[in-house]
Amino acid sequence: MDREIRLGMQWSGELTTALATCRVFVPLYSPRYFDSENCGKEWYAFSKRVLDQRARQPNIQTAIVPALWVPVAEDSLPDVAKAIQFDHHSLGDKYGQVGFSGIIKVNRFSDDYILAVQNLARRIVEVADKTRIDPGWHTDFDTSESAFGNSAVHATPEKRLQLTVVTIDNSNLPDGRSEQYYGKTPLQWRPYFPAAPMPIVDYARELARYLGCRPRVISLVDHLRDVARGVNAPGLFLIDVWAATSQGSCDDLRRLDELDQEWTSVLHPWNREDDQTLTANGLRESLEACLGRKLSSIPRPLREQAVAIETIEDFGDVMAPMIMAMRRRFLRRSDSRPPEANTIERPRLRARSDDDDEGER
């Protein structure tokens, strides 16, 4: 239980160990809870750990059991909390009305308090028995993101995020490329198979939602069409290096490379267990020839990670800060180009003329 952390303090070793190993996460709802960036980081750290395991074991369910300290209006909940379906009245009617804060110190509600505690404990045990969450990596407080949208970037009404998939499908495989990484459509691309059979698009979409984004998945052709229509949004390109072996795809990538869109960047999954990709000649060089400018515009602190993402966990670790970096760039671009105001002609005083007199007659 986190009871000691204060504003500005880093997580203790005990807390990071708990986040990496606990089997159930129990947030204690209140308005102040959702105003806390630290609490949002704890929620995100646990949620990403569950998502990492779901990418490897598709049947794993979330293991978040919320408890009420003070009831919070539905409209005040962040998106990640709204997504959790939980009937608080199932723990007791009075508890569902006022939460633990309303029944814990009032003698006449002692039976309601005991009932709520017992039912909550029973629910936690049920979830722990049904869902086995494997231990994960210890989360770094400085680099963790909040799931509640407490930062200035989250506060903006701009929630759009474009995830552009640049890959191939089973009908367009280059010679010698295994079909096990692909499907009937590009959306079924799973670069970390067999360790992580979840399509990378599904993982990216869910992780983006954890950060308060509203992701839209499109193809590179769709993106270029949007640009031609003047439609812009912060975004990431999920690029399969094998796509650069196709002349048509490489031409589209070169068109992308020529665009002045600093608010979009590149993520290049690179499976360390994919021997075909590791031993193929010229793949990286082909990609760099098509996307030289785009690759060089990746934020410097993330540049090495973004082009050598060896595991699904690594992908999530670099994707989160990359999303926030692109949203910041998009905000700067928007702030620097305010809409043009309508020009109002300045009124002028002048002497009365004979024409004015004629008009009044």
Protein backbone atom coordinates (compact mmCIF):
# COMPACT_ATOMS: atom_id res chain seq x y z
CA MET A 1 0.00 0.00 0.00
CA ASP A 2 1.37 3.40 -1.03
CA ARG A 3 0.77 5.73 1.94
CA GLU A 4 4.07 7.59 2.20
CA ILE A 5 4.82 9.11 -1.22
CA ARG A 6 4.43 12.87 -1.42
CA LEU A 7 4.41 15.38 -4.28
CA GLY A 8 7.84 15.56 -5.90
CA MET A 9 9.14 12.40 -4.22
CA GLN A 10 10.41 9.44 -6.23
CA TRP A 11 9.13 5.93 -5.75
CA SER A 12 10.86 3.84 -3.13
CA GLY A 13 12.45 0.53 -4.00
CA GLU A 14 9.69 -1.20 -2.05
CA LEU A 15 7.00 0.47 -4.15
CA THR A 16 8.64 -0.31 -7.51
CA THR A 17 9.00 -3.94 -6.40
CA ALA A 18 5.31 -4.05 -5.44
CA LEU A 19 4.27 -2.63 -8.83
CA ALA A 20 6.45 -5.21 -10.60
CA THR A 21 5.20 -8.22 -8.62
CA CYS A 22 1.70 -7.60 -7.21
CA ARG A 23 -1.08 -9.81 -8.54
CA VAL A 24 -3.94 -7.33 -8.08
CA PHE A 25 -3.99 -3.53 -8.24
CA VAL A 26 -6.52 -1.82 -5.93
CA PRO A 27 -6.93 1.93 -6.59
CA LEU A 28 -8.79 3.80 -3.84
CA TYR A 29 -11.07 6.16 -5.77
CA SER A 30 -11.47 9.79 -4.76
CA PRO A 31 -11.19 13.12 -6.62
CA ARG A 32 -7.73 13.64 -5.11
CA TYR A 33 -6.60 10.21 -6.27
CA PHE A 34 -7.23 11.08 -9.91
CA ASP A 35 -5.55 14.47 -9.48
CA SER A 36 -2.31 12.75 -8.42
CA GLU A 37 0.33 12.28 -11.10
CA ASN A 38 2.09 9.69 -8.91
CA CYS A 39 -1.10 7.62 -8.66
CA GLY A 40 -1.52 7.90 -12.43
CA LYS A 41 2.01 6.61 -12.92
CA GLU A 42 1.35 3.66 -10.62
CA TRP A 43 -1.82 2.81 -12.60
CA TYR A 44 0.07 3.05 -15.90
CA ALA A 45 2.97 0.89 -14.65
CA PHE A 46 0.63 -1.91 -13.61
CA SER A 47 -1.53 -1.64 -16.75
CA LYS A 48 1.48 -1.86 -19.05
CA ARG A 49 2.70 -4.91 -17.15
CA VAL A 50 -0.66 -6.60 -17.79
CA LEU A 51 -0.60 -5.56 -21.45
CA ASP A 52 2.93 -6.95 -21.90
CA GLN A 53 1.74 -10.30 -20.61
CA ARG A 54 -1.44 -10.20 -22.70
CA ALA A 55 0.72 -9.75 -25.79
CA ARG A 56 2.32 -13.10 -24.95
CA GLN A 57 -0.75 -14.80 -23.44
CA PRO A 58 -3.91 -13.46 -25.13
CA ASN A 59 -6.36 -14.78 -22.51
CA ILE A 60 -4.94 -12.72 -19.64
CA GLN A 61 -7.47 -10.25 -18.21
CA THR A 62 -6.82 -7.05 -16.30
CA ALA A 63 -6.46 -7.38 -12.53
CA ILE A 64 -7.63 -3.98 -11.31
CA VAL A 65 -10.22 -4.01 -8.51
CA PRO A 66 -11.31 -0.45 -7.63
CA ALA A 67 -12.43 0.57 -4.17
CA LEU A 68 -14.35 3.72 -3.24
CA TRP A 69 -13.00 6.10 -0.66
CA VAL A 70 -15.31 8.82 -1.95
CA PRO A 71 -17.71 8.35 -4.88
CA VAL A 72 -16.49 10.05 -8.07
CA ALA A 73 -18.85 11.22 -10.81
CA GLU A 74 -18.59 9.21 -14.02
CA ASP A 75 -17.77 12.33 -16.02
CA SER A 76 -14.83 13.07 -13.71
CA LEU A 77 -13.16 9.71 -14.25
CA PRO A 78 -10.22 9.44 -16.66
CA ASP A 79 -10.74 7.14 -19.65
CA VAL A 80 -8.74 4.28 -18.13
CA ALA A 81 -11.08 4.19 -15.12
CA LYS A 82 -14.21 4.48 -17.25
CA ALA A 83 -13.07 1.39 -19.15
CA ILE A 84 -13.23 -0.76 -15.99
CA GLN A 85 -16.69 -2.22 -15.48
CA PHE A 86 -17.27 -2.58 -11.74
CA ASP A 87 -20.51 -2.38 -9.76
CA HIS A 88 -19.58 -0.77 -6.45
CA HIS A 89 -23.06 -1.47 -5.05
CA SER A 90 -22.24 -5.19 -5.27
CA LEU A 91 -20.09 -4.65 -2.17
CA GLY A 92 -23.03 -3.13 -0.27
CA ASP A 93 -25.67 -0.50 -0.97
CA LYS A 94 -24.49 2.00 1.63
CA TYR A 95 -20.88 1.58 0.58
CA GLY A 96 -21.89 2.14 -3.05
CA GLN A 97 -23.61 5.39 -2.05
CA VAL A 98 -20.94 7.02 0.15
CA GLY A 99 -17.77 4.88 -0.07
CA PHE A 100 -15.50 3.85 2.79
CA SER A 101 -15.09 7.45 3.93
CA GLY A 102 -18.80 7.66 4.67
CA ILE A 103 -19.11 4.44 6.69
CA ILE A 104 -15.76 3.84 8.35
CA LYS A 105 -16.22 6.17 11.36
CA VAL A 106 -19.99 6.12 11.90
CA ASN A 107 -21.12 3.51 14.41
CA ARG A 108 -24.50 2.89 12.87
CA PHE A 109 -22.78 1.93 9.59
CA SER A 110 -20.36 -0.57 11.19
CA ASP A 111 -22.19 -3.55 9.66
CA ASP A 112 -22.07 -1.88 6.24
CA TYR A 113 -18.34 -1.31 6.69
CA ILE A 114 -17.65 -4.94 7.63
CA LEU A 115 -19.77 -6.17 4.72
CA ALA A 116 -17.95 -3.91 2.23
CA VAL A 117 -14.48 -4.96 3.48
CA GLN A 118 -15.37 -8.66 3.33
CA ASN A 119 -16.86 -8.39 -0.17
CA LEU A 120 -13.89 -6.36 -1.43
CA ALA A 121 -11.44 -8.89 0.02
CA ARG A 122 -13.40 -11.74 -1.57
CA ARG A 123 -13.32 -9.97 -4.95
CA ILE A 124 -9.56 -9.39 -4.74
CA VAL A 125 -8.94 -13.08 -3.99
CA GLU A 126 -11.20 -14.14 -6.88
CA VAL A 127 -9.32 -11.95 -9.35
CA ALA A 128 -5.94 -13.12 -8.03
CA ASP A 129 -6.97 -16.76 -8.48
CA LYS A 130 -8.32 -16.28 -12.00
CA THR A 131 -5.58 -14.03 -13.38
CA ARG A 132 -1.91 -14.78 -12.91
CA ILE A 133 0.13 -11.70 -13.70
CA ASP A 134 3.81 -12.53 -14.12
CA PRO A 135 6.42 -10.34 -12.43
CA GLY A 136 7.60 -7.51 -14.66
CA TRP A 137 10.46 -5.02 -14.86
CA HIS A 138 10.90 -2.43 -12.14
CA THR A 139 9.48 0.85 -13.46
CA ASP A 140 11.62 3.99 -13.54
CA PHE A 141 9.71 6.83 -11.89
CA ASP A 142 11.41 9.53 -13.99
CA THR A 143 10.45 7.98 -17.33
CA SER A 144 7.01 6.62 -16.40
CA GLU A 145 3.90 8.26 -17.81
CA SER A 146 0.62 8.94 -16.01
CA ALA A 147 -2.57 7.21 -17.07
CA PHE A 148 -4.69 10.10 -15.79
CA GLY A 149 -3.56 12.87 -18.10
CA ASN A 150 -2.20 15.23 -15.46
CA SER A 151 0.49 16.85 -17.60
CA ALA A 152 0.14 19.97 -19.72
CA VAL A 153 0.23 17.79 -22.83
CA HIS A 154 -2.71 15.72 -21.59
CA ALA A 155 -4.67 18.81 -20.65
CA THR A 156 -5.05 19.87 -24.28
CA PRO A 157 -8.31 18.93 -26.02
CA GLU A 158 -6.20 17.40 -28.82
CA LYS A 159 -6.51 13.65 -28.15
CA ARG A 160 -6.03 12.33 -31.68
CA LEU A 161 -3.13 10.03 -32.45
CA GLN A 162 -2.47 8.42 -35.83
CA LEU A 163 -0.82 5.01 -35.89
CA THR A 164 0.34 4.37 -39.44
CA VAL A 165 1.25 0.77 -40.24
CA VAL A 166 3.86 0.24 -42.95
CA THR A 167 4.23 -3.48 -43.60
CA ILE A 168 3.22 -6.29 -45.97
CA ASP A 169 0.73 -9.14 -45.86
CA ASN A 170 0.80 -12.82 -46.81
CA SER A 171 -0.04 -12.06 -50.44
CA ASN A 172 3.02 -9.82 -50.92
CA LEU A 173 5.85 -11.64 -49.18
CA PRO A 174 9.39 -11.12 -50.52
CA ASP A 175 11.30 -14.23 -51.53
CA GLY A 176 12.45 -16.19 -48.49
CA ARG A 177 10.30 -14.30 -45.97
CA SER A 178 8.26 -16.47 -43.57
CA GLU A 179 4.52 -15.87 -43.44
CA GLN A 180 4.35 -16.58 -39.69
CA TYR A 181 4.84 -12.86 -38.90
CA TYR A 182 1.97 -11.71 -41.13
CA GLY A 183 -1.71 -12.24 -41.90
CA LYS A 184 -4.29 -11.48 -44.54
CA THR A 185 -4.05 -7.72 -43.83
CA PRO A 186 -1.24 -5.42 -42.58
CA LEU A 187 -3.17 -5.03 -39.31
CA GLN A 188 -2.25 -8.64 -38.46
CA TRP A 189 1.49 -7.98 -38.52
CA ARG A 190 3.06 -9.54 -35.41
CA PRO A 191 6.81 -8.94 -35.51
CA TYR A 192 7.47 -10.58 -32.13
CA PHE A 193 5.91 -13.95 -32.97
CA PRO A 194 6.08 -16.60 -31.53
CA ALA A 195 6.98 -15.04 -28.15
CA ALA A 196 4.24 -12.41 -28.51
CA PRO A 197 1.44 -13.44 -30.91
CA MET A 198 -0.59 -10.23 -30.39
CA PRO A 199 -0.58 -8.00 -33.52
CA ILE A 200 1.62 -4.99 -32.88
CA VAL A 201 -1.22 -2.65 -33.90
CA ASP A 202 -3.50 -4.02 -31.16
CA TYR A 203 -0.77 -3.54 -28.57
CA ALA A 204 -0.01 0.00 -29.75
CA ARG A 205 -3.66 1.00 -29.83
CA GLU A 206 -4.28 -0.16 -26.25
CA LEU A 207 -1.12 1.44 -24.91
CA ALA A 208 -2.09 4.74 -26.56
CA ARG A 209 -5.47 4.60 -24.82
CA TYR A 210 -3.68 4.17 -21.48
CA LEU A 211 -2.13 7.59 -22.17
CA GLY A 212 -5.46 9.28 -22.82
CA CYS A 213 -5.17 9.21 -26.62
CA ARG A 214 -7.80 8.35 -29.20
CA PRO A 215 -5.79 6.35 -31.70
CA ARG A 216 -6.69 5.89 -35.34
CA VAL A 217 -4.93 3.14 -37.31
CA ILE A 218 -4.32 3.86 -40.98
CA SER A 219 -2.09 2.80 -43.87
CA LEU A 220 0.72 4.87 -45.38
CA VAL A 221 -1.44 5.52 -48.45
CA ASP A 222 -4.20 6.84 -46.17
CA HIS A 223 -1.70 9.09 -44.39
CA LEU A 224 -0.44 10.59 -47.64
CA ARG A 225 -4.03 11.15 -48.74
CA ASP A 226 -4.79 12.93 -45.43
CA VAL A 227 -1.78 15.19 -45.90
CA ALA A 228 -2.99 16.14 -49.37
CA ARG A 229 -6.35 17.13 -47.83
CA GLY A 230 -4.68 19.16 -45.08
CA VAL A 231 -5.56 16.71 -42.27
CA ASN A 232 -2.83 16.59 -39.61
CA ALA A 233 -2.45 14.94 -36.20
CA PRO A 234 0.43 13.75 -34.02
CA GLY A 235 1.38 10.23 -34.97
CA LEU A 236 3.77 7.32 -35.16
CA PHE A 237 4.76 5.11 -38.08
CA LEU A 238 5.15 1.43 -37.20
CA ILE A 239 7.55 0.32 -39.91
CA ASP A 240 8.45 -3.21 -40.98
CA VAL A 241 11.91 -3.19 -42.52
CA TRP A 242 10.74 -5.75 -45.10
CA ALA A 243 8.32 -3.19 -46.52
CA ALA A 244 11.30 -1.27 -47.90
CA THR A 245 12.09 -4.20 -50.22
CA SER A 246 8.99 -3.34 -52.28
CA GLN A 247 9.55 -0.60 -54.85
CA GLY A 248 6.03 0.74 -54.39
CA SER A 249 6.34 0.92 -50.60
CA CYS A 250 9.79 2.48 -50.88
CA ASP A 251 8.43 5.19 -53.18
CA ASP A 252 5.69 5.97 -50.65
CA LEU A 253 8.27 6.08 -47.85
CA ARG A 254 10.33 8.57 -49.85
CA ARG A 255 7.24 10.74 -50.25
CA LEU A 256 6.76 10.54 -46.49
CA ASP A 257 10.40 11.48 -45.96
CA GLU A 258 9.92 14.67 -47.95
CA LEU A 259 7.06 15.91 -45.78
CA ASP A 260 7.64 18.60 -43.16
CA GLN A 261 5.87 16.89 -40.26
CA GLU A 262 7.96 17.14 -37.12
CA TRP A 263 4.99 15.90 -35.06
CA THR A 264 5.22 12.39 -36.56
CA SER A 265 8.02 9.90 -35.98
CA VAL A 266 9.13 6.34 -36.62
CA LEU A 267 9.17 3.14 -34.57
CA HIS A 268 10.96 0.18 -36.07
CA PRO A 269 10.30 -3.17 -34.32
CA TRP A 270 13.31 -5.44 -34.62
CA ASN A 271 12.76 -8.95 -33.23
CA ARG A 272 15.98 -10.40 -31.87
CA GLU A 273 14.59 -13.91 -32.42
CA ASP A 274 13.79 -13.31 -36.11
CA ASP A 275 16.79 -14.92 -37.80
CA GLN A 276 15.58 -14.01 -41.30
CA THR A 277 15.65 -10.32 -40.49
CA LEU A 278 18.93 -10.54 -38.58
CA THR A 279 20.78 -12.29 -41.41
CA ALA A 280 19.21 -10.61 -44.48
CA ASN A 281 21.57 -8.32 -46.34
CA GLY A 282 20.76 -4.69 -47.01
CA LEU A 283 17.47 -4.38 -45.11
CA ARG A 284 18.54 -1.57 -42.82
CA GLU A 285 20.32 0.19 -45.65
CA SER A 286 17.17 0.06 -47.80
CA LEU A 287 15.09 1.55 -45.01
CA GLU A 288 17.62 4.31 -44.37
CA ALA A 289 17.75 5.12 -48.08
CA CYS A 290 13.96 5.62 -48.09
CA LEU A 291 13.61 7.39 -44.73
CA GLY A 292 16.88 9.17 -44.03
CA ARG A 293 15.39 12.51 -42.93
CA LYS A 294 12.62 10.92 -40.89
CA LEU A 295 14.99 8.65 -39.03
CA SER A 296 17.32 11.55 -38.22
CA SER A 297 14.40 13.59 -36.81
CA ILE A 298 13.62 11.04 -34.06
CA PRO A 299 14.08 12.75 -30.67
CA ARG A 300 17.72 12.27 -29.74
CA PRO A 301 17.12 10.56 -26.35
CA LEU A 302 14.92 7.95 -28.09
CA ARG A 303 16.83 7.53 -31.35
CA GLU A 304 18.69 4.34 -30.51
CA GLN A 305 15.67 2.66 -28.91
CA ALA A 306 13.30 3.57 -31.73
CA VAL A 307 15.22 1.68 -34.45
CA ALA A 308 16.24 -1.40 -32.47
CA ILE A 309 13.16 -2.52 -30.56
CA GLU A 310 13.95 -6.14 -29.78
CA THR A 311 10.99 -7.24 -27.61
CA ILE A 312 7.35 -6.31 -27.11
CA GLU A 313 8.23 -4.85 -23.68
CA ASP A 314 10.90 -2.66 -25.30
CA PHE A 315 8.33 -1.51 -27.84
CA GLY A 316 6.00 -0.27 -25.10
CA ASP A 317 8.86 1.37 -23.19
CA VAL A 318 9.83 3.54 -26.16
CA MET A 319 6.34 4.07 -27.58
CA ALA A 320 4.98 5.89 -24.52
CA PRO A 321 7.61 8.68 -24.40
CA MET A 322 7.53 8.91 -28.20
CA ILE A 323 3.76 9.56 -28.12
CA MET A 324 4.23 12.34 -25.58
CA ALA A 325 7.11 13.85 -27.59
CA MET A 326 5.00 13.96 -30.77
CA ARG A 327 2.05 15.49 -28.92
CA ARG A 328 4.34 18.21 -27.55
CA ARG A 329 5.68 18.91 -31.03
CA PHE A 330 2.17 19.13 -32.42
CA LEU A 331 1.15 21.56 -29.69
CA ARG A 332 4.16 23.76 -30.41
CA ARG A 333 3.27 23.76 -34.08
CA SER A 334 -0.33 24.69 -33.30
CA ASP A 335 0.66 27.43 -30.85
CA SER A 336 3.07 28.97 -33.31
CA ARG A 337 0.38 29.32 -36.00
CA PRO A 338 -2.61 31.10 -34.46
CA PRO A 339 -5.64 31.55 -36.68
CA GLU A 340 -5.82 34.78 -38.59
CA ALA A 341 -8.25 37.25 -37.03
CA ASN A 342 -10.88 38.98 -39.10
CA THR A 343 -9.77 42.48 -40.07
CA ILE A 344 -12.14 45.22 -38.95
CA GLU A 345 -11.73 48.54 -40.73
CA ARG A 346 -10.93 51.33 -38.32
CA PRO A 347 -13.72 53.97 -38.22
CA ARG A 348 -12.76 57.47 -39.33
CA LEU A 349 -14.29 60.87 -38.59
CA ARG A 350 -14.80 63.19 -41.52
CA ALA A 351 -16.56 66.44 -42.25
CA ARG A 352 -20.21 66.40 -43.29
CA SER A 353 -20.64 66.80 -47.05
CA ASP A 354 -23.42 67.96 -49.36
CA ASP A 355 -23.82 64.34 -50.57
CA ASP A 356 -24.77 63.30 -47.04
CA ASP A 357 -27.43 66.02 -46.94
CA GLU A 358 -28.87 64.81 -50.27
CA GLY A 359 -29.08 61.25 -48.97
CA GLU A 360 -31.18 62.30 -45.97
CA ARG A 361 -33.77 64.13 -48.05
